[in-house]
């Protein structure tokens, strides 16, 4: 399964999530690697509205895949989101 990385591409990222609702997203915290988390694509914590001017993929790049194991391997096995528990 292909891994997609979104940095500064909010519309592409939200489109990916909408079409891969059963997929997984790693929210990368480059300033604090222990803050990097893996989420289900449907996680409510990822549901921030772009129309309010929030930059979703600039400060926190998103690495996405339909395969959680592959995504974990490729991103250093980040901690699981406590809300969606992927």
Protein backbone atom coordinates (compact mmCIF):
# COMPACT_ATOMS: atom_id res chain seq x y z
CA UNK A 1 0.00 0.00 0.00
CA UNK A 2 1.29 3.46 -0.84
CA UNK A 3 2.32 5.95 1.80
CA UNK A 4 1.43 9.59 1.14
CA UNK A 5 3.07 12.55 2.87
CA UNK A 6 1.31 15.90 3.04
CA UNK A 7 3.22 19.05 3.96
CA UNK A 8 1.67 22.40 3.09
CA UNK A 9 -1.04 20.61 1.09
CA UNK A 10 -4.13 20.85 3.25
CA UNK A 11 -6.68 20.29 0.48
CA UNK A 12 -4.86 17.20 -0.80
CA UNK A 13 -4.68 15.86 2.75
CA UNK A 14 -8.37 16.41 3.50
CA UNK A 15 -9.26 14.83 0.16
CA UNK A 16 -7.13 11.79 1.03
CA UNK A 17 -8.89 11.43 4.40
CA UNK A 18 -12.31 11.68 2.81
CA UNK A 19 -11.49 8.91 0.33
CA UNK A 20 -9.59 6.69 2.80
CA UNK A 21 -11.89 6.78 5.82
CA UNK A 22 -10.57 3.37 6.94
CA UNK A 23 -6.96 4.55 6.62
CA UNK A 24 -4.42 5.85 9.12
CA UNK A 25 -2.67 9.18 9.66
CA UNK A 26 0.56 9.94 11.50
CA UNK A 27 0.46 13.52 12.76
CA UNK A 28 4.18 14.41 12.86
CA UNK A 29 5.31 16.78 15.60
CA UNK A 30 8.76 17.81 14.36
CA UNK A 31 9.40 20.04 17.37
CA UNK A 32 8.64 17.23 19.83
CA UNK A 33 9.01 13.70 18.40
CA UNK A 34 7.29 12.17 21.43
CA UNK A 35 4.20 14.16 20.39
CA UNK A 36 3.97 12.32 17.06
CA UNK A 37 0.84 10.12 17.03
CA UNK A 38 -0.85 7.62 14.75
CA UNK A 39 -4.61 8.06 14.30
CA UNK A 40 -7.44 6.43 12.43
CA UNK A 41 -8.26 8.70 9.47
CA UNK A 42 -11.73 9.13 10.99
CA UNK A 43 -10.38 10.39 14.35
CA UNK A 44 -12.25 13.42 15.67
CA UNK A 45 -8.97 15.05 16.73
CA UNK A 46 -8.07 15.39 13.03
CA UNK A 47 -11.35 17.15 12.16
CA UNK A 48 -10.14 20.76 12.26
CA UNK A 49 -11.81 23.09 9.76
CA UNK A 50 -9.52 24.57 7.11
CA UNK A 51 -11.99 27.38 6.43
CA UNK A 52 -11.04 29.00 9.74
CA UNK A 53 -7.52 29.58 8.45
CA UNK A 54 -5.90 26.71 10.32
CA UNK A 55 -2.88 25.27 8.56
CA UNK A 56 -3.17 21.51 9.02
CA UNK A 57 -0.13 20.18 7.17
CA UNK A 58 2.42 22.96 7.53
CA UNK A 59 3.41 22.83 11.20
CA UNK A 60 2.37 19.17 11.50
CA UNK A 61 3.02 17.15 8.32
CA UNK A 62 0.73 14.18 7.84
CA UNK A 63 1.96 10.75 6.71
CA UNK A 64 -0.94 8.58 5.55
CA UNK A 65 -1.59 5.00 4.48
CA UNK A 66 -4.30 2.39 4.42
CA UNK A 67 -1.93 -0.03 6.16
CA UNK A 68 -1.28 0.76 9.83
CA UNK A 69 1.64 -1.68 10.19
CA UNK A 70 3.45 -0.25 7.16
CA UNK A 71 2.84 3.28 8.41
CA UNK A 72 4.17 2.44 11.88
CA UNK A 73 7.32 0.87 10.37
CA UNK A 74 7.99 3.84 8.11
CA UNK A 75 7.43 6.48 10.80
CA UNK A 76 9.33 4.97 13.73
CA UNK A 77 6.36 3.34 15.49
CA UNK A 78 4.68 6.46 16.91
CA UNK A 79 2.41 6.32 19.92
CA UNK A 80 -1.27 5.64 19.34
CA UNK A 81 -3.83 8.41 19.73
CA UNK A 82 -5.63 7.88 23.04
CA UNK A 83 -8.94 9.01 21.50
CA UNK A 84 -9.24 6.68 18.49
CA UNK A 85 -6.84 3.90 19.60
CA UNK A 86 -5.68 2.70 16.16
